[in-house]
Protein backbone atom coordinates (compact mmCIF):
# COMPACT_ATOMS: atom_id res chain seq x y z
CA MET A 1 -2.16 -23.29 -2.56
CA GLU A 2 -2.17 -25.93 0.21
CA GLU A 3 1.19 -27.39 1.23
CA LYS A 4 2.13 -30.96 0.44
CA VAL A 5 1.51 -33.61 3.09
CA ARG A 6 4.92 -34.57 4.52
CA ILE A 7 5.13 -38.32 5.18
CA TYR A 8 7.71 -40.38 7.04
CA VAL A 9 7.83 -44.20 6.77
CA VAL A 10 9.49 -46.80 9.03
CA ASP A 11 9.82 -50.52 8.14
CA ASP A 12 12.63 -52.97 8.76
CA GLU A 13 12.23 -54.36 5.21
CA PRO A 14 13.79 -52.12 2.50
CA MET A 15 11.53 -53.59 -0.18
CA ALA A 16 8.47 -52.73 1.90
CA VAL A 17 9.71 -49.12 2.24
CA ALA A 18 10.32 -48.91 -1.53
CA TYR A 19 6.82 -50.27 -2.26
CA PHE A 20 5.22 -47.84 0.19
CA LYS A 21 7.04 -44.92 -1.46
CA SER A 22 5.73 -45.98 -4.87
CA LEU A 23 2.18 -46.04 -3.47
CA VAL A 24 2.62 -42.52 -2.08
CA GLU A 25 3.88 -41.26 -5.44
CA GLU A 26 0.92 -42.84 -7.24
CA ALA A 27 -1.66 -41.71 -4.68
CA SER A 28 -1.19 -37.95 -5.13
CA PRO A 29 1.38 -35.35 -6.24
CA GLU A 30 0.40 -33.47 -3.06
CA TYR A 31 2.15 -36.10 -0.91
CA GLU A 32 5.89 -36.30 -0.39
CA ILE A 33 8.20 -38.64 1.52
CA VAL A 34 10.45 -36.54 3.74
CA GLY A 35 12.29 -39.41 5.40
CA GLU A 36 12.58 -43.17 5.91
CA ALA A 37 14.14 -45.54 8.39
CA PHE A 38 14.60 -49.28 8.85
CA TRP A 39 14.71 -49.35 12.64
CA GLY A 40 13.05 -47.51 15.52
CA VAL A 41 15.98 -45.68 17.15
CA GLN A 42 16.90 -43.85 13.93
CA ALA A 43 13.22 -43.16 13.19
CA PHE A 44 12.68 -41.49 16.56
CA GLN A 45 15.54 -39.04 15.97
CA ASP A 46 14.38 -38.33 12.39
CA ILE A 47 10.75 -37.71 13.34
CA LYS A 48 11.85 -35.39 16.13
CA ARG A 49 14.01 -33.42 13.65
CA LEU A 50 11.84 -33.48 10.50
CA LYS A 51 8.41 -33.09 12.14
CA PRO A 52 6.45 -34.88 9.38
CA ASP A 53 2.69 -34.42 9.10
CA ILE A 54 2.13 -38.19 9.26
CA ALA A 55 4.46 -41.03 10.33
CA PHE A 56 3.68 -44.56 9.06
CA LEU A 57 5.23 -47.11 11.46
CA ASP A 58 5.57 -50.83 10.90
CA ILE A 59 4.50 -52.65 14.08
CA SER A 60 6.82 -55.67 13.73
CA MET A 61 10.40 -54.40 13.98
CA PRO A 62 13.35 -55.71 16.02
CA VAL A 63 14.77 -53.83 19.04
CA MET A 64 12.01 -51.21 19.05
CA ASN A 65 8.67 -52.19 17.51
CA GLY A 66 6.11 -49.79 16.08
CA LEU A 67 4.01 -49.57 19.26
CA THR A 68 7.01 -48.76 21.42
CA LEU A 69 8.20 -46.19 18.87
CA ALA A 70 4.71 -44.64 18.68
CA GLU A 71 4.52 -44.37 22.46
CA LYS A 72 7.93 -42.69 22.63
CA VAL A 73 7.13 -40.24 19.78
CA LEU A 74 3.73 -39.28 21.21
CA LEU A 75 5.19 -38.76 24.65
CA ALA A 76 7.64 -36.22 23.18
CA HIS A 77 5.22 -34.76 20.57
CA PRO A 78 1.56 -35.38 21.50
CA MET A 79 0.27 -33.72 18.31
CA GLN A 80 2.21 -36.02 15.94
CA LYS A 81 -0.07 -38.03 13.62
CA ILE A 82 0.88 -41.73 13.49
CA VAL A 83 -0.49 -44.62 11.38
CA LEU A 84 0.46 -48.21 12.30
CA LEU A 85 1.26 -50.71 9.51
CA THR A 86 1.01 -54.46 10.04
CA SER A 87 0.99 -57.65 8.00
CA TYR A 88 -1.77 -59.29 10.07
CA GLN A 89 -4.86 -58.20 11.95
CA ASP A 90 -4.63 -58.29 15.73
CA PHE A 91 -7.22 -56.56 17.91
CA ASP A 92 -4.76 -56.22 20.80
CA PHE A 93 -2.46 -54.16 18.60
CA VAL A 94 -5.38 -52.00 17.48
CA LYS A 95 -6.54 -51.44 21.06
CA LYS A 96 -3.05 -50.63 22.30
CA GLY A 97 -2.49 -48.22 19.41
CA LEU A 98 -5.76 -46.37 20.03
CA GLU A 99 -4.92 -46.07 23.72
CA LEU A 100 -1.59 -44.49 22.79
CA GLY A 101 -3.30 -41.99 20.47
CA VAL A 102 -2.41 -43.25 16.97
CA CYS A 103 -4.69 -42.07 14.15
CA ALA A 104 -5.18 -45.28 12.17
CA TYR A 105 -4.28 -48.94 11.80
CA VAL A 106 -3.70 -50.26 8.23
CA LEU A 107 -3.16 -53.79 6.93
CA LYS A 108 -0.28 -53.91 4.44
CA ILE A 109 -2.13 -56.37 2.21
CA GLU A 110 -5.00 -53.88 1.87
CA LEU A 111 -2.76 -50.95 0.95
CA SER A 112 -3.40 -49.39 -2.45
CA PRO A 113 -3.05 -45.84 -3.82
CA GLU A 114 -6.77 -45.32 -3.21
CA ALA A 115 -6.73 -46.71 0.34
CA LEU A 116 -3.61 -44.70 1.18
CA ARG A 117 -5.18 -41.53 -0.21
CA GLU A 118 -8.35 -42.11 1.85
CA THR A 119 -6.31 -42.55 5.04
CA VAL A 120 -4.08 -39.53 4.39
CA GLU A 121 -6.98 -37.22 3.46
CA LYS A 122 -8.90 -38.18 6.60
CA ILE A 123 -5.86 -37.34 8.75
CA ARG A 124 -5.16 -34.22 6.69
CA GLY A 125 -8.65 -32.97 7.53
CA GLU A 126 -8.04 -33.61 11.23
CA ILE A 127 -4.73 -31.72 11.05
CA ARG A 128 -6.43 -28.79 9.33
CA VAL A 129 -9.17 -28.59 11.97
CA GLU A 130 -6.67 -28.82 14.83
CA LYS A 131 -4.42 -26.17 13.27
CA GLN A 132 -7.35 -23.84 12.70
CA ARG A 133 -8.61 -24.26 16.25
CA MET A 134 -5.15 -23.66 17.72
CA HIS A 135 -4.54 -20.76 15.36
CA SER A 136 -7.84 -19.07 16.30
CA TYR A 137 -6.98 -19.29 19.98
CA THR A 138 -3.42 -18.00 19.49
CA GLU A 139 -4.54 -15.31 17.04
CA GLU A 140 -6.97 -13.83 19.54
CA ASN A 141 -4.32 -13.69 22.28
CA LEU A 142 -1.65 -12.26 19.98
CA ARG A 143 -4.02 -9.61 18.66
CA GLU A 144 -4.65 -8.50 22.24
CA PHE A 145 -0.91 -8.60 22.92
CA LEU A 146 0.07 -6.47 19.90
CA PHE A 147 -2.60 -3.86 20.56
CA SER A 148 -1.52 -3.58 24.21
CA LYS A 149 0.79 -0.75 25.27
CA SER A 150 3.37 -3.20 26.56
CA GLY A 151 4.11 -6.90 26.62
CA GLU A 152 3.19 -7.34 30.28
CA SER A 153 0.02 -9.31 29.47
CA SER A 154 1.68 -11.62 26.97
CA GLY A 155 1.94 -14.56 29.37
CA ASP A 156 2.89 -17.77 27.58
CA LEU A 157 3.20 -15.89 24.29
CA VAL A 158 6.73 -14.78 25.16
CA TYR A 159 9.22 -17.14 23.53
CA GLN A 160 12.20 -16.20 25.67
CA LYS A 161 13.64 -19.73 25.68
CA HIS A 162 13.38 -20.20 21.94
CA PRO A 163 16.80 -20.79 20.30
CA LEU A 164 16.09 -18.18 17.64
CA GLN A 165 17.60 -14.88 18.67
CA ARG A 166 15.58 -12.14 16.97
CA PHE A 167 11.97 -11.23 16.29
CA ALA A 168 10.44 -8.98 13.65
CA LEU A 169 7.07 -8.08 12.18
CA ILE A 170 5.85 -8.07 8.60
CA PHE A 171 2.77 -5.86 8.31
CA LEU A 172 0.65 -6.59 5.23
CA MET A 173 -2.12 -4.38 3.84
CA GLU A 174 -4.36 -4.83 0.84
CA ASP A 175 -3.76 -2.40 -2.02
CA LEU A 176 -7.13 -0.67 -2.15
CA PRO A 177 -8.00 1.99 -4.73
CA ILE A 178 -8.35 5.68 -3.85
CA CYS A 179 -12.06 6.51 -3.86
CA PHE A 180 -13.62 9.92 -3.34
CA MET A 181 -16.61 7.81 -2.26
CA GLU A 182 -14.95 5.89 0.61
CA GLU A 183 -17.74 3.32 0.89
CA GLN A 184 -16.55 1.79 -2.39
CA GLU A 185 -13.44 0.43 -0.68
CA ASN A 186 -14.16 -3.28 -0.07
CA SER A 187 -11.38 -5.45 1.31
CA HIS A 188 -11.06 -9.22 0.88
CA GLY A 189 -10.90 -11.89 3.56
CA PHE A 190 -7.88 -14.17 3.88
CA ASP A 191 -7.04 -16.86 6.44
CA ALA A 192 -3.79 -15.72 8.09
CA ILE A 193 -2.84 -19.31 8.95
CA ARG A 194 -1.73 -19.72 5.33
CA LEU A 195 1.13 -17.31 6.00
CA GLU A 196 2.39 -19.61 8.75
CA GLU A 197 2.39 -22.60 6.38
CA ILE A 198 4.69 -21.02 3.78
CA ARG A 199 8.18 -22.54 3.58
CA TYR A 200 10.53 -19.61 4.02
CA ALA A 201 14.28 -19.48 3.51
CA ALA A 202 16.55 -21.15 6.03
CA GLY A 203 16.83 -19.27 9.30
CA ILE A 204 13.48 -17.45 9.19
CA PHE A 205 9.89 -18.55 9.66
CA CYS A 206 6.50 -17.10 10.51
CA ARG A 207 5.80 -18.22 14.06
CA ASN A 208 2.31 -16.72 14.04
CA ALA A 209 0.20 -14.68 11.63
CA ILE A 210 -2.92 -12.78 12.61
CA ALA A 211 -5.73 -11.12 10.69
CA LEU A 212 -6.36 -7.51 11.74
CA GLY A 213 -9.49 -6.88 9.65
CA LEU A 214 -9.99 -4.28 6.89
CA GLY A 215 -7.53 -6.02 4.58
CA ARG A 216 -4.60 -6.07 7.03
CA TRP A 217 -2.48 -8.91 8.41
CA CYS A 218 0.64 -9.19 10.54
CA GLY A 219 3.25 -11.93 10.64
CA ILE A 220 5.44 -12.47 13.71
CA MET A 221 8.77 -13.62 12.32
CA PHE A 222 11.52 -15.56 14.10
CA ILE A 223 15.03 -15.01 12.74
CA ASP A 224 17.87 -17.37 13.57
CA ALA A 225 21.10 -15.95 14.96
CA SER A 226 22.90 -17.40 11.94
CA VAL A 227 21.09 -14.97 9.59
CA SER A 228 23.50 -12.05 9.09
CA ASP A 229 21.18 -9.77 7.06
CA SER A 230 17.74 -9.83 8.67
CA ILE A 231 16.23 -7.16 6.36
CA THR A 232 17.11 -9.18 3.24
CA ALA A 233 15.63 -12.30 4.87
CA LEU A 234 12.47 -10.40 5.83
CA ARG A 235 12.17 -8.94 2.33
CA GLY A 236 12.30 -12.43 0.85
CA ALA A 237 9.64 -13.62 3.29
CA ALA A 238 7.44 -10.62 2.47
CA GLU A 239 7.69 -11.42 -1.25
CA GLN A 240 6.43 -14.94 -0.53
CA MET A 241 3.56 -13.59 1.55
CA ILE A 242 2.53 -11.15 -1.17
CA LYS A 243 2.56 -13.99 -3.74
CA GLU A 244 0.41 -16.13 -1.44
CA LEU A 245 -2.16 -13.34 -1.12
CA GLU A 246 -2.05 -12.86 -4.88
CA CYS A 247 -3.11 -16.50 -5.34
CA PHE A 248 -6.38 -15.50 -3.68
CA GLY A 249 -6.87 -12.42 -5.85
CA ILE A 250 -5.48 -9.98 -3.27
CA SER A 251 -2.91 -7.34 -4.22
CA ALA A 252 -0.97 -6.34 -1.10
CA SER A 253 2.04 -4.36 0.09
CA ALA A 254 4.23 -4.94 3.16
CA ILE A 255 6.14 -2.97 5.78
CA LEU A 256 9.16 -4.61 7.42
CA SER A 257 10.16 -3.84 10.97
CA ASP A 258 13.73 -3.97 12.22
CA GLY A 259 14.81 -7.08 14.08
CA THR A 260 14.74 -7.03 17.89
CA GLY A 261 16.05 -9.39 20.52
CA LYS A 262 13.20 -8.51 22.90
CA PHE A 263 9.81 -10.05 22.20
CA LEU A 264 8.14 -7.58 24.57
CA GLU A 265 9.09 -4.70 22.22
CA LEU A 266 6.78 -6.03 19.49
CA PRO A 267 3.61 -4.16 20.61
CA GLU A 268 5.38 -0.79 20.32
CA ILE A 269 6.83 -1.76 16.93
CA PHE A 270 3.43 -3.02 15.74
CA GLN A 271 1.63 0.19 16.66
CA ASP A 272 4.21 2.23 14.75
CA LEU A 273 3.73 -0.01 11.70
CA LEU A 274 -0.02 0.45 12.06
CA ARG A 275 0.40 4.23 11.92
CA LEU A 276 2.83 4.07 9.01
CA SER A 277 0.53 1.76 7.04
CA GLN A 278 -1.97 4.60 6.65
CA ARG A 279 0.57 6.49 4.54
CA CYS A 280 1.70 3.65 2.27
CA PHE A 281 -1.06 4.11 -0.32
CA SER A 282 1.07 6.68 -2.15
CA TYR A 283 3.92 4.24 -2.94
CA GLY A 284 1.93 2.08 -5.36
CA LYS A 285 0.92 -1.59 -5.38
CA LYS A 286 2.85 -4.66 -4.23
CA GLN A 287 5.51 -2.59 -2.49
CA ILE A 288 7.86 -3.82 0.25
CA LEU A 289 8.74 -0.88 2.48
CA GLU A 290 10.99 -0.59 5.52
CA ARG A 291 9.84 0.94 8.79
CA SER A 292 13.06 2.94 9.23
CA VAL A 293 12.80 4.46 5.73
CA LEU A 294 9.11 5.34 6.10
CA SER A 295 9.76 7.03 9.43
CA ARG A 296 12.42 9.29 7.87
CA ARG A 297 10.06 10.32 5.07
CA ARG A 298 7.27 11.70 7.25
CA LYS A 299 6.37 15.22 6.20
CA GLU A 300 4.50 18.07 7.77
CA ALA A 301 1.03 18.52 6.29
CA ALA A 302 0.29 21.73 4.38
CA SER A 303 -2.53 24.07 5.34
CA GLU A 304 -5.61 22.97 3.43
CA ASN A 305 -7.42 26.31 3.73
CA ARG A 306 -4.46 28.26 2.37
CA SER A 307 -4.04 25.73 -0.43
CA ALA A 308 -7.68 25.86 -1.47
CA PHE A 309 -7.53 29.67 -1.49
CA SER A 310 -4.34 29.64 -3.59
CA LEU A 311 -5.91 27.33 -6.15
CA MET A 312 -9.04 29.45 -6.45
CA TYR A 313 -6.88 32.57 -6.79
CA SER A 314 -4.82 31.06 -9.62
CA LEU A 315 -7.99 29.97 -11.41
CA ASN A 316 -9.50 33.43 -11.11
CA GLU A 317 -6.24 34.85 -12.43
CA GLU A 318 -6.50 32.33 -15.28
CA ASP A 319 -2.92 31.24 -14.68
CA PRO A 320 -2.70 27.60 -15.88
CA ASN A 321 0.93 27.11 -14.82
CA ALA A 322 0.26 28.31 -11.27
CA SER A 323 -2.87 26.12 -11.03
CA ALA A 324 -1.00 23.03 -12.21
CA TYR A 325 1.86 23.69 -9.77
CA ILE A 326 -0.44 24.26 -6.78
CA VAL A 327 -2.34 21.00 -7.39
CA GLU A 328 0.90 19.07 -7.86
CA VAL A 329 2.39 20.38 -4.58
CA LEU A 330 -0.87 19.96 -2.68
CA LEU A 331 -1.25 16.30 -3.65
CA GLU A 332 2.44 15.54 -3.18
CA GLU A 333 2.40 16.93 0.38
CA ALA A 334 -0.82 15.09 1.17
CA ALA A 335 0.56 11.78 -0.14
CA GLY A 336 3.79 12.15 1.83
CA GLY A 337 2.43 13.34 5.16
CA PHE A 338 -1.23 12.42 5.41
CA SER A 339 -3.16 9.22 5.97
CA LYS A 340 -5.24 7.86 3.12
CA MET A 341 -8.46 9.31 4.51
CA GLU A 342 -6.83 12.74 4.91
CA TYR A 343 -5.41 12.52 1.38
CA ILE A 344 -8.91 11.84 0.06
CA ARG A 345 -10.18 14.88 1.97
CA VAL A 346 -7.51 17.07 0.32
CA ALA A 347 -8.46 15.65 -3.09
CA LYS A 348 -12.12 16.41 -2.36
CA ASN A 349 -11.22 20.00 -1.46
CA ILE A 350 -9.45 20.39 -4.80
CA ALA A 351 -12.44 18.88 -6.58
CA GLU A 352 -14.80 21.25 -4.78
CA VAL A 353 -12.76 24.30 -5.87
CA LEU A 354 -12.85 23.11 -9.49
CA HIS A 355 -16.60 22.46 -9.27
CA GLN A 356 -17.23 25.96 -7.86
CA PHE A 357 -15.07 27.65 -10.48
CA ALA A 358 -16.70 25.75 -13.36
CA GLU A 359 -20.14 26.65 -12.03
CA GLN A 360 -19.15 30.28 -11.51
CA LYS A 361 -17.84 30.55 -15.09
CA LYS A 362 -20.75 28.50 -16.49
CA LEU A 363 -18.41 25.89 -17.96
CA ASN A 364 -19.80 22.50 -18.91
CA ILE A 365 -17.22 20.20 -17.28
CA SER A 366 -17.84 16.49 -16.59
CA PHE A 367 -16.78 15.35 -13.12
CA GLU A 368 -18.12 11.78 -13.45
CA ARG A 369 -14.62 10.25 -13.18
CA GLU A 370 -14.63 11.19 -9.49
CA GLN A 371 -17.29 8.53 -8.86
CA GLU A 372 -14.86 5.78 -9.90
CA PRO A 373 -11.86 4.39 -7.95
CA PHE A 374 -8.31 5.53 -8.73
CA ASP A 375 -5.53 2.95 -8.64
CA SER A 376 -2.81 5.37 -7.56
CA THR A 377 -2.03 8.92 -6.46
CA GLY A 378 -0.56 9.43 -9.93
CA GLU A 379 -3.97 8.74 -11.45
CA VAL A 380 -5.58 11.26 -9.10
CA GLU A 381 -3.15 14.01 -10.08
CA ALA A 382 -3.46 13.15 -13.79
CA TYR A 383 -7.25 13.48 -13.50
CA PHE A 384 -7.06 16.93 -11.87
CA GLN A 385 -4.46 18.20 -14.35
CA LYS A 386 -6.59 16.98 -17.26
CA THR A 387 -9.69 18.63 -15.75
CA MET A 388 -7.87 21.96 -15.33
CA ARG A 389 -6.64 21.84 -18.94
CA GLU A 390 -10.22 21.31 -20.01
CA ILE A 391 -11.33 24.28 -17.86
CA TYR A 392 -8.76 26.61 -19.43
CA GLN A 393 -9.57 25.39 -22.94
CA LYS A 394 -13.25 26.08 -22.41
CA LEU A 395 -12.48 29.49 -20.91
CA GLU A 396 -10.52 30.33 -24.05
CA ARG A 397 -13.37 29.21 -26.29
CA GLN A 398 -15.77 31.16 -24.13
CA ARG A 399 -13.72 34.33 -24.63
CA GLU A 400 -13.57 33.73 -28.35
CA GLU A 401 -17.34 33.52 -28.44
CA GLN A 402 -17.75 36.53 -26.14
CA TYR A 403 -15.37 39.01 -27.81
CA SER A 404 -14.98 40.16 -31.38
CA TYR A 405 -11.89 39.30 -33.41
CA PRO A 406 -10.27 42.77 -33.03
CA VAL A 407 -10.66 42.67 -29.24
CA LEU A 408 -9.26 39.13 -28.98
CA GLU A 409 -6.26 40.07 -31.10
CA SER A 410 -5.74 43.22 -29.02
CA LEU A 411 -5.86 41.30 -25.74
CA SER A 412 -3.38 38.77 -27.06
CA PHE A 413 -1.01 41.52 -28.24
CA VAL A 414 -1.17 43.35 -24.89
CA GLN A 415 -0.49 40.16 -22.92
CA GLU A 416 2.56 39.42 -25.05
CA HIS A 417 4.02 42.95 -25.29
CA TYR A 418 2.91 44.74 -22.09
CA GLY A 419 6.54 45.09 -20.99
CA GLU A 420 7.38 47.14 -24.07
CA ASN A 421 6.66 50.80 -24.86
CA ILE A 422 3.52 50.11 -26.92
CA SER A 423 0.84 52.60 -27.99
CA ILE A 424 -2.83 52.41 -28.98
CA GLN A 425 -1.66 52.67 -32.59
CA ASP A 426 0.52 49.56 -32.12
CA ILE A 427 -2.40 47.62 -30.59
CA ALA A 428 -4.82 48.68 -33.33
CA GLY A 429 -2.27 47.74 -35.97
CA ALA A 430 -1.94 44.24 -34.47
CA ALA A 431 -5.74 43.90 -34.51
CA GLY A 432 -5.98 45.17 -38.10
CA VAL A 433 -8.44 47.99 -37.35
CA SER A 434 -8.37 51.74 -36.89
CA GLU A 435 -7.74 53.33 -33.49
CA GLY A 436 -11.27 54.72 -33.41
CA HIS A 437 -12.88 51.34 -34.16
CA LEU A 438 -10.70 49.64 -31.53
CA ARG A 439 -11.70 52.20 -28.85
CA LYS A 440 -15.38 51.64 -29.70
CA CYS A 441 -15.03 47.82 -29.49
CA PHE A 442 -13.24 48.01 -26.09
CA ARG A 443 -15.93 50.25 -24.62
CA GLN A 444 -18.74 48.05 -25.90
CA GLU A 445 -17.26 44.65 -25.01
CA LEU A 446 -15.00 45.28 -21.99
CA GLY A 447 -16.49 48.46 -20.52
CA VAL A 448 -13.08 50.13 -20.30
CA SER A 449 -10.80 52.08 -22.63
CA VAL A 450 -7.76 50.54 -24.32
CA VAL A 451 -5.42 52.59 -22.10
CA GLU A 452 -7.30 51.59 -18.93
CA TYR A 453 -7.04 47.91 -19.85
CA LEU A 454 -3.32 48.19 -20.68
CA THR A 455 -2.60 50.04 -17.41
CA SER A 456 -4.63 47.59 -15.34
CA TYR A 457 -2.86 44.62 -16.91
CA ARG A 458 0.57 46.14 -16.24
CA ILE A 459 -0.29 46.79 -12.58
CA GLU A 460 -1.48 43.19 -12.12
CA ARG A 461 1.79 41.89 -13.61
CA ALA A 462 3.74 44.22 -11.30
CA LYS A 463 1.90 42.83 -8.27
CA LYS A 464 2.77 39.29 -9.34
CA LEU A 465 6.45 40.20 -9.58
CA MET A 466 6.37 41.82 -6.13
CA GLU A 467 4.68 38.73 -4.66
CA SER A 468 7.46 36.55 -6.06
CA ARG A 469 10.02 38.70 -4.12
CA GLU A 470 12.57 38.05 -6.88
CA TYR A 471 12.79 41.70 -8.02
CA LYS A 472 13.22 45.13 -6.48
CA ILE A 473 10.65 47.86 -7.13
CA SER A 474 13.34 49.78 -8.99
CA GLU A 475 13.51 46.87 -11.42
CA ILE A 476 9.83 46.04 -11.70
CA TYR A 477 8.53 49.29 -13.28
CA SER A 478 10.52 48.78 -16.49
CA LEU A 479 9.67 45.08 -16.68
CA VAL A 480 5.96 45.92 -16.92
CA GLY A 481 6.31 48.74 -19.46
CA PHE A 482 6.46 51.96 -17.40
CA THR A 483 8.96 54.60 -18.48
CA SER A 484 9.84 55.84 -14.96
CA SER A 485 9.58 54.66 -11.37
CA GLN A 486 7.84 57.90 -10.34
CA TYR A 487 5.07 57.46 -12.90
CA PHE A 488 4.76 53.76 -11.93
CA SER A 489 4.36 54.70 -8.24
CA TYR A 490 1.79 57.35 -9.11
CA VAL A 491 -0.35 54.95 -11.22
CA PHE A 492 0.03 52.10 -8.71
CA LYS A 493 -1.20 54.23 -5.78
CA LYS A 494 -4.08 55.62 -7.82
CA THR A 495 -5.13 52.06 -8.77
CA GLU A 496 -4.46 50.16 -5.53
CA GLY A 497 -4.74 52.93 -2.93
CA ILE A 498 -1.25 52.31 -1.54
CA THR A 499 2.31 52.75 -2.80
CA PRO A 500 4.34 49.86 -4.26
CA SER A 501 6.55 49.85 -1.13
CA GLU A 502 3.52 49.53 1.15
CA TYR A 503 2.11 46.72 -0.99
CA LEU A 504 5.42 44.86 -0.87
CA LYS A 505 5.39 44.98 2.94
CA ARG A 506 1.95 43.38 3.04
CA VAL A 507 2.66 40.39 0.78
């Protein structure tokens, strides 16, 4: 939304000032009177302090007339827009005013809401063009300054004599979705000058704002020495910036820098914010984050190869809890320590493992959701967890279709009671068949005997317990259903080719 046009009026007749104010009110709700005066000396001080967009000056005033006042104002502030008001037409006044640099000359008798609006809008357009031209020039120089390694090339961009004591940066970035297909990420354009035009709280303002491309902007903030809590002031300013972007359909987040008394430190601060911005995608939309906090939360990235191998191993072991945990940790580490592009690469690696496993097991799993954007890291994890649940459900149905009822019941009984002293008779009883029929079914469907399957399952559970390093070997044998440690060692070595102690040293 464009700011209101701020108007100041000077006339030695109070009734004339009151009438002019009524015309302004009727002309447009986008115009506001920010000050008035009845004589030139007071007007000069007010205009200098208030900096109105347009000053309307009556020519005929005692002590200091409108032309003299205009000349004095323009000498101090050459960019000030001035309109002269007069009760009669005089070409000499018009000529003198144009020579001084006033914008327009208006007869009071011809003033109406429509005529006032036409004059103001014409000047408003000129102001907009001048601001945009000046902003483009400054933006280019500031962009070069911030991307430099030091402030040595800043030249006239260093505001060392400015009365405001501290400087800070607000780094803004568009909240873009997480896409496995990166080319789907399209950022919006936004004119950074709008951030400079926002009215911030007392003691803080955006001296310059620059567009960085790819949905990123940076505001250079000036903070008055009277502001005791600069972070709170910056947070309030960032909220206003985010709302302004939202008016143009852009969802954005912000990073706040600390305040600094040295303008030449801004390039170093900016480049750190630029690095940190690549990791902010994991915090969600419309977030206001602090540079100091983000720096403390940097994490070391996990090994992707090891992680991919661990996930494939847990899938092959058909361990749903391990698979869910590995994906959760993988994505959490990637979100905390990686850039967005690296996070997407980790997510793609997880997706590739799931694709390979589904293909290997001939499972009909739909991966179409991966072609669409995700709004958050939480959505990405929820998708993978849902996909893995679907994989395990289809594996279960596949087993049910592959094995007979007695075998399925036997497998379930073994997996629940392997740690107990169970026999073939116990397993057959659970399946509701004779021992002879159960042996025949195992041979036909699994290619092993009931005892061989039970022993193999117990050894695999023992290996898992050793890998966890939570138990001693002297404890493990009984946990997996062996009656003695000697017999456990004998079976383990016969199956794995090494003793339990040697296996424990290798894991």
